[in-house]
Amino acid sequence: MTNNTSMKQQINWNFWIPAIMFFLLLIIEDQAFGTYYSSWLYGLVLIMVGILYSVRYKLYQPALVICLIGLTVWHYFLATHFETNIYMLQLLGINISISPEDNPFSMFTWIINVIVLSILMAVTYPVLDKAFKLEKYARRIFKTAARTVYSATNGFTSRPYSAGHAEFTREQIIGFTHYLSGKIIVFPVYRENGIYLTFSMRRSPLSIHDPSEISYVNFDYEGKITVHISAKDYNRYKEELSFDQLCESMSDVFKRFLNYYINNQESRINLELKN
């Protein structure tokens, strides 16, 4: 069995670490040179990260909120250090002649900016929090499934994989689904003949119109289990894995979790994913 099933690196944005680094760099720059270029850079990084997450998740909320945070950073330094920012532009060879009296930015406009940002953050927080948690658990699900997969040459295929049957009642699978969705481990899609437990390390399940757009494990009410792994999720692995083995292992993971739920051992699901 292979242990080389780690994922390709992707941005795991932590707001606190970059913010602390920004303030340290800003203090050093201010004391040493009297400029604030780091504020431009930090605002630009925030805007780029907001756009990146929106493109990846197919949700508008990350761009709306994170980009606005970046613009708020710029707004503050334009309001408090307008003349210095003009001087910084001149150092870069960009000559702009605007008197301080004509500065359209002020602490009053910045406070309005902060109020608007706070309202948007409060409104969009549930969606953003859920999207980030779903991605985190998707990575754990895939890592758990990949532990028992051999490296091989037969790669991705787009077809759903039939993973056999399991013994469960309609009430048990519905209860199991409610438990997983309540813990934000998967995003359920209910159909007349069964339930799709969707998850993805790329596109957010919150943005899909059809389960086939991302990865899922489908439990139909007759006991049949079907696994679908999207190409983008499959390509997150550093090494090519046997696709059928990965699908079979994914089915085993969810059947094991279902068994934990039926036997009142739900805590073992989170424990296994965390380990």
C-alpha atoms as a PDB file:
ATOM      1  CA  MET A   1       0.000   0.000   0.000  1.00  0.00           C
ATOM      2  CA  THR A   2       1.226   3.480  -0.715  1.00  0.00           C
ATOM      3  CA  ASN A   3       1.663   6.289   1.772  1.00  0.00           C
ATOM      4  CA  ASN A   4       2.415   8.815  -0.977  1.00  0.00           C
ATOM      5  CA  THR A   5      -1.190   9.944  -1.268  1.00  0.00           C
ATOM      6  CA  SER A   6      -0.657  13.527  -0.152  1.00  0.00           C
ATOM      7  CA  MET A   7      -2.427  16.316  -1.979  1.00  0.00           C
ATOM      8  CA  LYS A   8      -0.932  18.950  -4.231  1.00  0.00           C
ATOM      9  CA  GLN A   9      -0.332  22.202  -2.420  1.00  0.00           C
ATOM     10  CA  GLN A  10      -2.964  24.911  -2.624  1.00  0.00           C
ATOM     11  CA  ILE A  11      -3.486  28.177  -0.778  1.00  0.00           C
ATOM     12  CA  ASN A  12      -4.803  27.561   2.709  1.00  0.00           C
ATOM     13  CA  TRP A  13      -5.570  31.154   3.643  1.00  0.00           C
ATOM     14  CA  ASN A  14      -5.229  32.009   7.315  1.00  0.00           C
ATOM     15  CA  PHE A  15      -6.191  35.620   7.948  1.00  0.00           C
ATOM     16  CA  TRP A  16      -4.329  36.025  11.221  1.00  0.00           C
ATOM     17  CA  ILE A  17      -0.802  35.031  10.157  1.00  0.00           C
ATOM     18  CA  PRO A  18      -0.666  37.324   7.065  1.00  0.00           C
ATOM     19  CA  ALA A  19      -2.269  40.150   9.102  1.00  0.00           C
ATOM     20  CA  ILE A  20       0.375  39.887  11.842  1.00  0.00           C
ATOM     21  CA  MET A  21       3.166  39.736   9.242  1.00  0.00           C
ATOM     22  CA  PHE A  22       1.667  42.767   7.506  1.00  0.00           C
ATOM     23  CA  PHE A  23       1.617  44.869  10.683  1.00  0.00           C
ATOM     24  CA  LEU A  24       5.211  43.913  11.516  1.00  0.00           C
ATOM     25  CA  LEU A  25       6.376  44.751   7.997  1.00  0.00           C
ATOM     26  CA  LEU A  26       4.401  47.996   8.052  1.00  0.00           C
ATOM     27  CA  ILE A  27       6.018  49.119  11.323  1.00  0.00           C
ATOM     28  CA  ILE A  28       9.498  48.335   9.998  1.00  0.00           C
ATOM     29  CA  GLU A  29       8.825  50.108   6.693  1.00  0.00           C
ATOM     30  CA  ASP A  30       7.323  53.161   8.420  1.00  0.00           C
ATOM     31  CA  GLN A  31      10.231  53.517  10.852  1.00  0.00           C
ATOM     32  CA  ALA A  32      12.931  52.864   8.256  1.00  0.00           C
ATOM     33  CA  PHE A  33      11.601  54.671   5.186  1.00  0.00           C
ATOM     34  CA  GLY A  34       8.443  56.549   6.163  1.00  0.00           C
ATOM     35  CA  THR A  35       6.454  54.822   3.417  1.00  0.00           C
ATOM     36  CA  TYR A  36       3.517  52.378   3.336  1.00  0.00           C
ATOM     37  CA  TYR A  37       4.074  50.199   0.276  1.00  0.00           C
ATOM     38  CA  SER A  38       3.311  47.125   2.370  1.00  0.00           C
ATOM     39  CA  SER A  39      -0.286  48.384   2.749  1.00  0.00           C
ATOM     40  CA  TRP A  40      -0.608  48.392  -1.049  1.00  0.00           C
ATOM     41  CA  LEU A  41       0.809  44.895  -1.225  1.00  0.00           C
ATOM     42  CA  TYR A  42      -1.411  43.516   1.549  1.00  0.00           C
ATOM     43  CA  GLY A  43      -4.558  45.006   0.022  1.00  0.00           C
ATOM     44  CA  LEU A  44      -3.607  43.556  -3.370  1.00  0.00           C
ATOM     45  CA  VAL A  45      -2.975  40.103  -1.868  1.00  0.00           C
ATOM     46  CA  LEU A  46      -6.403  40.165  -0.195  1.00  0.00           C
ATOM     47  CA  ILE A  47      -8.099  41.109  -3.455  1.00  0.00           C
ATOM     48  CA  MET A  48      -6.285  38.342  -5.346  1.00  0.00           C
ATOM     49  CA  VAL A  49      -7.158  35.760  -2.681  1.00  0.00           C
ATOM     50  CA  GLY A  50     -10.821  36.800  -2.760  1.00  0.00           C
ATOM     51  CA  ILE A  51     -10.921  36.377  -6.537  1.00  0.00           C
ATOM     52  CA  LEU A  52      -9.059  33.049  -6.325  1.00  0.00           C
ATOM     53  CA  TYR A  53     -11.511  31.590  -3.819  1.00  0.00           C
ATOM     54  CA  SER A  54     -14.521  32.790  -5.796  1.00  0.00           C
ATOM     55  CA  VAL A  55     -13.169  31.189  -8.969  1.00  0.00           C
ATOM     56  CA  ARG A  56     -12.354  27.965  -7.139  1.00  0.00           C
ATOM     57  CA  TYR A  57     -15.579  27.659  -5.167  1.00  0.00           C
ATOM     58  CA  LYS A  58     -17.827  29.161  -7.877  1.00  0.00           C
ATOM     59  CA  LEU A  59     -19.287  31.435  -5.177  1.00  0.00           C
ATOM     60  CA  TYR A  60     -19.406  35.233  -5.253  1.00  0.00           C
ATOM     61  CA  GLN A  61     -19.189  35.705  -1.462  1.00  0.00           C
ATOM     62  CA  PRO A  62     -15.392  35.253  -1.098  1.00  0.00           C
ATOM     63  CA  ALA A  63     -14.647  37.920  -3.720  1.00  0.00           C
ATOM     64  CA  LEU A  64     -17.286  40.254  -2.296  1.00  0.00           C
ATOM     65  CA  VAL A  65     -16.000  40.109   1.288  1.00  0.00           C
ATOM     66  CA  ILE A  66     -12.255  39.450   1.002  1.00  0.00           C
ATOM     67  CA  CYS A  67     -11.789  41.964  -1.840  1.00  0.00           C
ATOM     68  CA  LEU A  68     -13.694  44.551   0.177  1.00  0.00           C
ATOM     69  CA  ILE A  69     -11.365  43.916   3.128  1.00  0.00           C
ATOM     70  CA  GLY A  70      -8.426  44.678   0.812  1.00  0.00           C
ATOM     71  CA  LEU A  71     -10.107  47.866  -0.423  1.00  0.00           C
ATOM     72  CA  THR A  72     -10.809  48.853   3.185  1.00  0.00           C
ATOM     73  CA  VAL A  73      -7.084  48.578   3.960  1.00  0.00           C
ATOM     74  CA  TRP A  74      -6.305  50.870   1.028  1.00  0.00           C
ATOM     75  CA  HIS A  75      -9.099  53.238   2.048  1.00  0.00           C
ATOM     76  CA  TYR A  76      -7.651  53.660   5.554  1.00  0.00           C
ATOM     77  CA  PHE A  77      -4.149  54.579   4.361  1.00  0.00           C
ATOM     78  CA  LEU A  78      -5.516  56.945   1.722  1.00  0.00           C
ATOM     79  CA  ALA A  79      -7.609  58.638   4.395  1.00  0.00           C
ATOM     80  CA  THR A  80      -4.806  58.943   6.963  1.00  0.00           C
ATOM     81  CA  HIS A  81      -1.673  59.218   4.809  1.00  0.00           C
ATOM     82  CA  PHE A  82      -2.862  60.711   1.533  1.00  0.00           C
ATOM     83  CA  GLU A  83       0.171  62.975   0.972  1.00  0.00           C
ATOM     84  CA  THR A  84       2.559  60.124   1.704  1.00  0.00           C
ATOM     85  CA  ASN A  85       0.769  57.906  -0.831  1.00  0.00           C
ATOM     86  CA  ILE A  86       1.108  60.620  -3.493  1.00  0.00           C
ATOM     87  CA  TYR A  87       4.815  60.860  -2.634  1.00  0.00           C
ATOM     88  CA  MET A  88       5.118  57.057  -2.912  1.00  0.00           C
ATOM     89  CA  LEU A  89       3.608  57.197  -6.393  1.00  0.00           C
ATOM     90  CA  GLN A  90       6.082  59.906  -7.365  1.00  0.00           C
ATOM     91  CA  LEU A  91       8.947  57.688  -6.185  1.00  0.00           C
ATOM     92  CA  LEU A  92       7.673  55.095  -8.658  1.00  0.00           C
ATOM     93  CA  GLY A  93       7.724  57.683 -11.446  1.00  0.00           C
ATOM     94  CA  ILE A  94       3.976  58.316 -11.436  1.00  0.00           C
ATOM     95  CA  ASN A  95       3.403  62.063 -11.164  1.00  0.00           C
ATOM     96  CA  ILE A  96       0.008  62.991  -9.758  1.00  0.00           C
ATOM     97  CA  SER A  97      -0.651  66.508  -8.540  1.00  0.00           C
ATOM     98  CA  ILE A  98      -3.551  66.461  -6.092  1.00  0.00           C
ATOM     99  CA  SER A  99      -3.685  68.781  -3.130  1.00  0.00           C
ATOM    100  CA  PRO A 100      -4.583  67.336   0.287  1.00  0.00           C
ATOM    101  CA  GLU A 101      -7.738  69.470   0.264  1.00  0.00           C
ATOM    102  CA  ASP A 102      -8.993  67.527  -2.757  1.00  0.00           C
ATOM    103  CA  ASN A 103      -8.573  64.141  -1.048  1.00  0.00           C
ATOM    104  CA  PRO A 104     -11.874  62.260  -1.559  1.00  0.00           C
ATOM    105  CA  PHE A 105     -11.000  59.888   1.270  1.00  0.00           C
ATOM    106  CA  SER A 106     -11.506  60.682   4.947  1.00  0.00           C
ATOM    107  CA  MET A 107     -12.003  58.875   8.228  1.00  0.00           C
ATOM    108  CA  PHE A 108     -15.722  59.521   7.824  1.00  0.00           C
ATOM    109  CA  THR A 109     -15.855  57.695   4.469  1.00  0.00           C
ATOM    110  CA  TRP A 110     -13.642  54.962   5.927  1.00  0.00           C
ATOM    111  CA  ILE A 111     -16.053  54.432   8.837  1.00  0.00           C
ATOM    112  CA  ILE A 112     -18.914  54.100   6.333  1.00  0.00           C
ATOM    113  CA  ASN A 113     -16.732  51.596   4.461  1.00  0.00           C
ATOM    114  CA  VAL A 114     -16.201  49.597   7.679  1.00  0.00           C
ATOM    115  CA  ILE A 115     -19.925  49.602   8.480  1.00  0.00           C
ATOM    116  CA  VAL A 116     -20.777  48.277   5.004  1.00  0.00           C
ATOM    117  CA  LEU A 117     -18.038  45.642   5.329  1.00  0.00           C
ATOM    118  CA  SER A 118     -19.314  44.566   8.754  1.00  0.00           C
ATOM    119  CA  ILE A 119     -22.863  44.143   7.432  1.00  0.00           C
ATOM    120  CA  LEU A 120     -21.653  42.107   4.446  1.00  0.00           C
ATOM    121  CA  MET A 121     -19.475  39.927   6.659  1.00  0.00           C
ATOM    122  CA  ALA A 122     -22.389  39.227   8.989  1.00  0.00           C
ATOM    123  CA  VAL A 123     -24.645  38.325   6.048  1.00  0.00           C
ATOM    124  CA  THR A 124     -22.135  36.165   4.177  1.00  0.00           C
ATOM    125  CA  TYR A 125     -20.384  34.520   7.154  1.00  0.00           C
ATOM    126  CA  PRO A 126     -22.666  31.428   7.267  1.00  0.00           C
ATOM    127  CA  VAL A 127     -21.977  30.674   3.590  1.00  0.00           C
ATOM    128  CA  LEU A 128     -18.223  31.325   3.825  1.00  0.00           C
ATOM    129  CA  ASP A 129     -17.851  29.326   7.019  1.00  0.00           C
ATOM    130  CA  LYS A 130     -19.769  26.389   5.542  1.00  0.00           C
ATOM    131  CA  ALA A 131     -17.776  26.497   2.287  1.00  0.00           C
ATOM    132  CA  PHE A 132     -14.437  26.467   4.120  1.00  0.00           C
ATOM    133  CA  LYS A 133     -15.510  23.627   6.424  1.00  0.00           C
ATOM    134  CA  LEU A 134     -16.845  21.536   3.533  1.00  0.00           C
ATOM    135  CA  GLU A 135     -13.510  21.893   1.738  1.00  0.00           C
ATOM    136  CA  LYS A 136     -11.584  20.969   4.900  1.00  0.00           C
ATOM    137  CA  TYR A 137     -13.643  17.809   5.422  1.00  0.00           C
ATOM    138  CA  ALA A 138     -13.466  16.899   1.738  1.00  0.00           C
ATOM    139  CA  ARG A 139      -9.675  16.833   1.986  1.00  0.00           C
ATOM    140  CA  ARG A 140      -9.926  14.593   5.053  1.00  0.00           C
ATOM    141  CA  ILE A 141     -12.383  12.267   3.317  1.00  0.00           C
ATOM    142  CA  PHE A 142     -10.093  11.859   0.300  1.00  0.00           C
ATOM    143  CA  LYS A 143      -7.012  11.323   2.463  1.00  0.00           C
ATOM    144  CA  THR A 144      -8.880   8.687   4.455  1.00  0.00           C
ATOM    145  CA  ALA A 145     -10.006   6.891   1.304  1.00  0.00           C
ATOM    146  CA  ALA A 146      -6.544   7.014  -0.286  1.00  0.00           C
ATOM    147  CA  ARG A 147      -4.811   5.230   2.595  1.00  0.00           C
ATOM    148  CA  THR A 148      -5.665   1.783   1.247  1.00  0.00           C
ATOM    149  CA  VAL A 149      -5.122   2.501  -2.449  1.00  0.00           C
ATOM    150  CA  TYR A 150      -2.175   1.193  -4.477  1.00  0.00           C
ATOM    151  CA  SER A 151      -0.430   3.528  -6.909  1.00  0.00           C
ATOM    152  CA  ALA A 152      -1.256   2.416 -10.434  1.00  0.00           C
ATOM    153  CA  THR A 153      -1.400   3.547 -14.039  1.00  0.00           C
ATOM    154  CA  ASN A 154      -5.135   3.319 -14.674  1.00  0.00           C
ATOM    155  CA  GLY A 155      -6.201   6.859 -13.977  1.00  0.00           C
ATOM    156  CA  PHE A 156      -9.386   8.863 -14.012  1.00  0.00           C
ATOM    157  CA  THR A 157     -12.586   7.864 -15.766  1.00  0.00           C
ATOM    158  CA  SER A 158     -15.697  10.007 -15.754  1.00  0.00           C
ATOM    159  CA  ARG A 159     -18.182   7.187 -15.210  1.00  0.00           C
ATOM    160  CA  PRO A 160     -19.823   6.633 -11.810  1.00  0.00           C
ATOM    161  CA  TYR A 161     -18.520   3.539 -10.028  1.00  0.00           C
ATOM    162  CA  SER A 162     -20.941   0.893  -8.792  1.00  0.00           C
ATOM    163  CA  ALA A 163     -19.787  -0.014  -5.278  1.00  0.00           C
ATOM    164  CA  GLY A 164     -22.229  -2.788  -4.448  1.00  0.00           C
ATOM    165  CA  HIS A 165     -24.865  -2.800  -1.725  1.00  0.00           C
ATOM    166  CA  ALA A 166     -25.196  -2.144   1.989  1.00  0.00           C
ATOM    167  CA  GLU A 167     -27.807  -3.057   4.550  1.00  0.00           C
ATOM    168  CA  PHE A 168     -29.688  -0.011   5.820  1.00  0.00           C
ATOM    169  CA  THR A 169     -33.224   1.287   6.101  1.00  0.00           C
ATOM    170  CA  ARG A 170     -34.528   4.484   4.559  1.00  0.00           C
ATOM    171  CA  GLU A 171     -34.774   6.043   8.027  1.00  0.00           C
ATOM    172  CA  GLN A 172     -31.179   5.079   8.863  1.00  0.00           C
ATOM    173  CA  ILE A 173     -29.679   6.613   5.733  1.00  0.00           C
ATOM    174  CA  ILE A 174     -31.732   9.784   6.189  1.00  0.00           C
ATOM    175  CA  GLY A 175     -30.617  10.043   9.817  1.00  0.00           C
ATOM    176  CA  PHE A 176     -27.004   9.371   8.774  1.00  0.00           C
ATOM    177  CA  THR A 177     -27.255  12.117   6.159  1.00  0.00           C
ATOM    178  CA  HIS A 178     -28.652  14.586   8.683  1.00  0.00           C
ATOM    179  CA  TYR A 179     -25.760  13.794  11.019  1.00  0.00           C
ATOM    180  CA  LEU A 180     -23.052  14.314   8.374  1.00  0.00           C
ATOM    181  CA  SER A 181     -24.637  17.483   6.997  1.00  0.00           C
ATOM    182  CA  GLY A 182     -25.153  18.819  10.521  1.00  0.00           C
ATOM    183  CA  LYS A 183     -21.403  18.405  11.141  1.00  0.00           C
ATOM    184  CA  ILE A 184     -20.762  20.041   7.717  1.00  0.00           C
ATOM    185  CA  ILE A 185     -18.849  16.959   6.563  1.00  0.00           C
ATOM    186  CA  VAL A 186     -20.854  16.619   3.335  1.00  0.00           C
ATOM    187  CA  PHE A 187     -23.571  18.526   1.503  1.00  0.00           C
ATOM    188  CA  PRO A 188     -26.641  16.351   0.819  1.00  0.00           C
ATOM    189  CA  VAL A 189     -28.708  16.399  -2.353  1.00  0.00           C
ATOM    190  CA  TYR A 190     -32.017  14.583  -1.974  1.00  0.00           C
ATOM    191  CA  ARG A 191     -33.600  12.771  -4.869  1.00  0.00           C
ATOM    192  CA  GLU A 192     -36.727  10.629  -5.115  1.00  0.00           C
ATOM    193  CA  ASN A 193     -34.770   7.367  -5.246  1.00  0.00           C
ATOM    194  CA  GLY A 194     -31.917   8.193  -2.847  1.00  0.00           C
ATOM    195  CA  ILE A 195     -29.444  10.670  -1.394  1.00  0.00           C
ATOM    196  CA  TYR A 196     -26.230  12.084  -2.841  1.00  0.00           C
ATOM    197  CA  LEU A 197     -23.581  12.940  -0.243  1.00  0.00           C
ATOM    198  CA  THR A 198     -21.515  15.503  -2.139  1.00  0.00           C
ATOM    199  CA  PHE A 199     -18.054  16.859  -1.338  1.00  0.00           C
ATOM    200  CA  SER A 200     -15.165  18.455  -3.193  1.00  0.00           C
ATOM    201  CA  MET A 201     -11.722  19.936  -2.669  1.00  0.00           C
ATOM    202  CA  ARG A 202     -12.312  22.428  -5.470  1.00  0.00           C
ATOM    203  CA  ARG A 203     -15.790  23.626  -6.371  1.00  0.00           C
ATOM    204  CA  SER A 204     -18.030  24.221  -3.380  1.00  0.00           C
ATOM    205  CA  PRO A 205     -21.052  21.898  -3.078  1.00  0.00           C
ATOM    206  CA  LEU A 206     -22.998  25.064  -2.193  1.00  0.00           C
ATOM    207  CA  SER A 207     -22.713  26.231  -5.813  1.00  0.00           C
ATOM    208  CA  ILE A 208     -23.708  23.082  -7.711  1.00  0.00           C
ATOM    209  CA  HIS A 209     -26.890  22.505  -9.694  1.00  0.00           C
ATOM    210  CA  ASP A 210     -26.358  18.773 -10.122  1.00  0.00           C
ATOM    211  CA  PRO A 211     -24.408  16.257  -7.977  1.00  0.00           C
ATOM    212  CA  SER A 212     -22.422  15.063 -11.026  1.00  0.00           C
ATOM    213  CA  GLU A 213     -20.588  18.410 -11.089  1.00  0.00           C
ATOM    214  CA  ILE A 214     -18.461  17.298  -8.108  1.00  0.00           C
ATOM    215  CA  SER A 215     -17.645  14.122  -6.166  1.00  0.00           C
ATOM    216  CA  TYR A 216     -20.333  12.182  -4.349  1.00  0.00           C
ATOM    217  CA  VAL A 217     -21.354   8.902  -2.765  1.00  0.00           C
ATOM    218  CA  ASN A 218     -24.936   7.981  -3.625  1.00  0.00           C
ATOM    219  CA  PHE A 219     -27.060   5.767  -1.391  1.00  0.00           C
ATOM    220  CA  ASP A 220     -30.296   4.778  -3.039  1.00  0.00           C
ATOM    221  CA  TYR A 221     -33.178   3.532  -0.946  1.00  0.00           C
ATOM    222  CA  GLU A 222     -32.779  -0.011  -2.338  1.00  0.00           C
ATOM    223  CA  GLY A 223     -29.313  -0.313  -0.745  1.00  0.00           C
ATOM    224  CA  LYS A 224     -27.227   0.309  -3.877  1.00  0.00           C
ATOM    225  CA  ILE A 225     -24.122   2.500  -3.508  1.00  0.00           C
ATOM    226  CA  THR A 226     -22.570   4.520  -6.346  1.00  0.00           C
ATOM    227  CA  VAL A 227     -19.375   6.585  -6.160  1.00  0.00           C
ATOM    228  CA  HIS A 228     -18.409   9.456  -8.419  1.00  0.00           C
ATOM    229  CA  ILE A 229     -15.065  11.259  -8.122  1.00  0.00           C
ATOM    230  CA  SER A 230     -14.634  14.397 -10.194  1.00  0.00           C
ATOM    231  CA  ALA A 231     -11.578  14.945 -12.390  1.00  0.00           C
ATOM    232  CA  LYS A 232     -10.553  18.044 -10.444  1.00  0.00           C
ATOM    233  CA  ASP A 233     -10.672  16.183  -7.142  1.00  0.00           C
ATOM    234  CA  TYR A 234      -8.778  13.215  -8.581  1.00  0.00           C
ATOM    235  CA  ASN A 235      -6.077  15.514  -9.941  1.00  0.00           C
ATOM    236  CA  ARG A 236      -5.444  16.929  -6.462  1.00  0.00           C
ATOM    237  CA  TYR A 237      -3.349  13.849  -5.698  1.00  0.00           C
ATOM    238  CA  LYS A 238       0.378  14.119  -6.287  1.00  0.00           C
ATOM    239  CA  GLU A 239       0.507  10.581  -7.662  1.00  0.00           C
ATOM    240  CA  GLU A 240      -1.851   8.808 -10.029  1.00  0.00           C
ATOM    241  CA  LEU A 241      -3.962   6.313  -8.102  1.00  0.00           C
ATOM    242  CA  SER A 242      -6.008   3.369  -9.277  1.00  0.00           C
ATOM    243  CA  PHE A 243      -9.353   5.011  -9.931  1.00  0.00           C
ATOM    244  CA  ASP A 244     -11.468   1.927  -9.255  1.00  0.00           C
ATOM    245  CA  GLN A 245      -9.591   1.207  -6.043  1.00  0.00           C
ATOM    246  CA  LEU A 246     -10.055   4.812  -4.912  1.00  0.00           C
ATOM    247  CA  CYS A 247     -13.799   4.631  -5.607  1.00  0.00           C
ATOM    248  CA  GLU A 248     -14.066   1.293  -3.810  1.00  0.00           C
ATOM    249  CA  SER A 249     -12.138   2.676  -0.844  1.00  0.00           C
ATOM    250  CA  MET A 250     -14.374   5.760  -0.806  1.00  0.00           C
ATOM    251  CA  SER A 251     -17.402   3.477  -0.660  1.00  0.00           C
ATOM    252  CA  ASP A 252     -15.825   1.523   2.201  1.00  0.00           C
ATOM    253  CA  VAL A 253     -15.212   4.752   4.131  1.00  0.00           C
ATOM    254  CA  PHE A 254     -18.851   5.805   3.918  1.00  0.00           C
ATOM    255  CA  LYS A 255     -20.156   2.316   4.659  1.00  0.00           C
ATOM    256  CA  ARG A 256     -17.929   2.270   7.724  1.00  0.00           C
ATOM    257  CA  PHE A 257     -19.225   5.682   8.788  1.00  0.00           C
ATOM    258  CA  LEU A 258     -22.791   4.494   8.266  1.00  0.00           C
ATOM    259  CA  ASN A 259     -22.081   1.483  10.459  1.00  0.00           C
ATOM    260  CA  TYR A 260     -20.718   3.802  13.165  1.00  0.00           C
ATOM    261  CA  TYR A 261     -23.928   5.835  12.991  1.00  0.00           C
ATOM    262  CA  ILE A 262     -26.231   2.805  13.122  1.00  0.00           C
ATOM    263  CA  ASN A 263     -24.347   1.496  16.173  1.00  0.00           C
ATOM    264  CA  ASN A 264     -24.434   4.855  17.987  1.00  0.00           C
ATOM    265  CA  GLN A 265     -20.691   5.410  17.525  1.00  0.00           C
ATOM    266  CA  GLU A 266     -20.892   8.693  15.632  1.00  0.00           C
ATOM    267  CA  SER A 267     -17.898  10.141  17.492  1.00  0.00           C
ATOM    268  CA  ARG A 268     -15.666   7.652  15.671  1.00  0.00           C
ATOM    269  CA  ILE A 269     -16.444   9.382  12.351  1.00  0.00           C
ATOM    270  CA  ASN A 270     -14.837  12.661  13.371  1.00  0.00           C
ATOM    271  CA  LEU A 271     -12.039  10.828  15.146  1.00  0.00           C
ATOM    272  CA  GLU A 272     -11.173   8.854  12.024  1.00  0.00           C
ATOM    273  CA  LEU A 273     -11.274  11.913   9.778  1.00  0.00           C
ATOM    274  CA  LYS A 274      -9.071  13.934  12.134  1.00  0.00           C
ATOM    275  CA  ASN A 275      -6.510  11.130  12.369  1.00  0.00           C
END
